[in-house]
Protein backbone atom coordinates (compact mmCIF):
# COMPACT_ATOMS: atom_id res chain seq x y z
CA GLY A 1 -0.19 0.23 -0.22
CA PHE A 2 2.01 3.11 1.32
CA PHE A 3 5.33 1.77 0.57
CA LEU A 4 4.49 0.87 -3.36
CA SER A 5 2.77 4.60 -3.84
CA LYS A 6 6.08 6.09 -3.27
CA LEU A 7 7.43 4.26 -5.72
CA ILE A 8 5.19 4.29 -8.20
CA MET A 9 5.46 7.01 -11.77
CA ALA A 10 2.24 8.95 -12.30
CA SER A 11 1.16 11.34 -14.87
CA LEU A 12 -0.46 14.73 -14.20
CA LYS A 13 -2.51 15.62 -17.24
CA ILE A 14 -4.20 19.38 -17.38
CA THR A 15 -6.11 20.78 -20.01
CA ILE A 16 -6.52 24.70 -19.46
CA LYS A 17 -9.51 25.51 -21.37
CA ARG A 18 -10.79 28.83 -20.82
CA ALA A 19 -11.19 31.81 -19.08
CA ARG A 20 -14.61 34.12 -18.24
CA ASP A 21 -15.42 37.90 -17.59
CA LEU A 22 -11.48 38.17 -16.90
CA PRO A 23 -10.86 42.10 -15.76
CA VAL A 24 -10.26 44.76 -18.10
CA MET A 25 -6.60 45.32 -18.24
CA ASP A 26 -6.26 47.70 -20.97
CA ARG A 27 -7.49 50.63 -20.77
CA ARG A 28 -7.81 51.48 -24.32
CA SER A 29 -9.00 48.52 -25.68
CA GLN A 30 -11.08 47.62 -22.67
CA LEU A 31 -9.83 44.27 -22.91
CA ALA A 32 -6.92 42.07 -21.86
CA ASP A 33 -4.18 39.85 -23.75
CA ALA A 34 -3.78 37.10 -21.07
CA TYR A 35 -2.00 34.00 -20.56
CA VAL A 36 -1.73 31.49 -17.92
CA GLU A 37 1.24 29.92 -16.10
CA THR A 38 0.74 26.50 -13.97
CA HIS A 39 3.03 25.42 -11.50
CA PHE A 40 3.60 22.02 -9.66
CA ASP A 41 6.24 21.40 -7.37
CA ASP A 42 9.49 22.40 -9.67
CA LEU A 43 7.54 22.07 -12.87
CA GLN A 44 6.24 25.22 -14.54
CA ASP A 45 4.39 25.27 -17.85
CA LYS A 46 2.75 28.45 -19.91
CA THR A 47 -0.11 29.14 -22.39
CA ASP A 48 0.51 31.20 -25.52
CA ARG A 49 -0.82 34.91 -25.00
CA TYR A 50 -4.45 35.11 -26.32
CA VAL A 51 -4.65 38.59 -27.41
CA ARG A 52 -7.51 41.41 -26.72
CA SER A 53 -10.44 39.37 -24.87
CA LEU A 54 -12.23 38.74 -21.72
CA CYS A 55 -12.90 35.44 -22.56
CA PRO A 56 -10.19 33.51 -24.01
CA GLU A 57 -10.00 29.86 -25.25
CA TRP A 58 -6.63 28.12 -25.02
CA ASN A 59 -7.37 24.76 -25.18
CA HIS A 60 -3.72 24.44 -23.74
CA LYS A 61 -2.57 20.45 -22.66
CA VAL A 62 0.41 19.79 -20.68
CA THR A 63 1.47 16.08 -19.39
CA TRP A 64 3.92 16.02 -16.58
CA ASN A 65 5.75 12.49 -15.53
CA LEU A 66 6.23 12.50 -12.12
CA PRO A 67 8.78 9.77 -10.40
CA ARG A 68 6.44 9.59 -7.67
CA ALA A 69 2.52 8.89 -7.22
CA SER A 70 2.55 10.38 -3.85
CA ALA A 71 3.76 13.73 -4.86
CA LEU A 72 -0.01 14.25 -6.24
CA GLN A 73 -0.62 14.76 -2.50
CA GLU A 74 2.26 16.12 -1.25
CA SER A 75 2.59 19.63 -3.52
CA PRO A 76 -0.22 22.06 -4.73
CA LEU A 77 -1.14 22.45 -8.35
CA GLU A 78 -1.22 26.13 -8.88
CA PHE A 79 -2.98 28.04 -11.96
CA LYS A 80 -2.12 32.01 -12.23
CA VAL A 81 -3.81 34.44 -14.54
CA PHE A 82 -1.54 37.39 -16.36
CA ASP A 83 -1.90 39.74 -18.61
CA TYR A 84 0.98 40.01 -21.36
CA ASP A 85 1.77 44.01 -20.98
CA PHE A 86 0.61 44.89 -17.59
CA TRP A 87 3.31 46.10 -15.10
């Protein structure tokens, strides 16, 4: 049981489909140039920038192979949405 779960590899598959009703980040266009950063343990990934939309659709997929299945319970999975040209 517990000992085997520490040794078994695991895959973490993520699909970032879309966002809705993002805040306006560009005063001129009243839109946003959004992208998503995903972090898990020491792994990270980033979607492409979706230009001029408050409801972007990325359909971005990533698969991470993890050395231990137990890592899925030990580390948080974080999603952060950013605007490309917001300082």
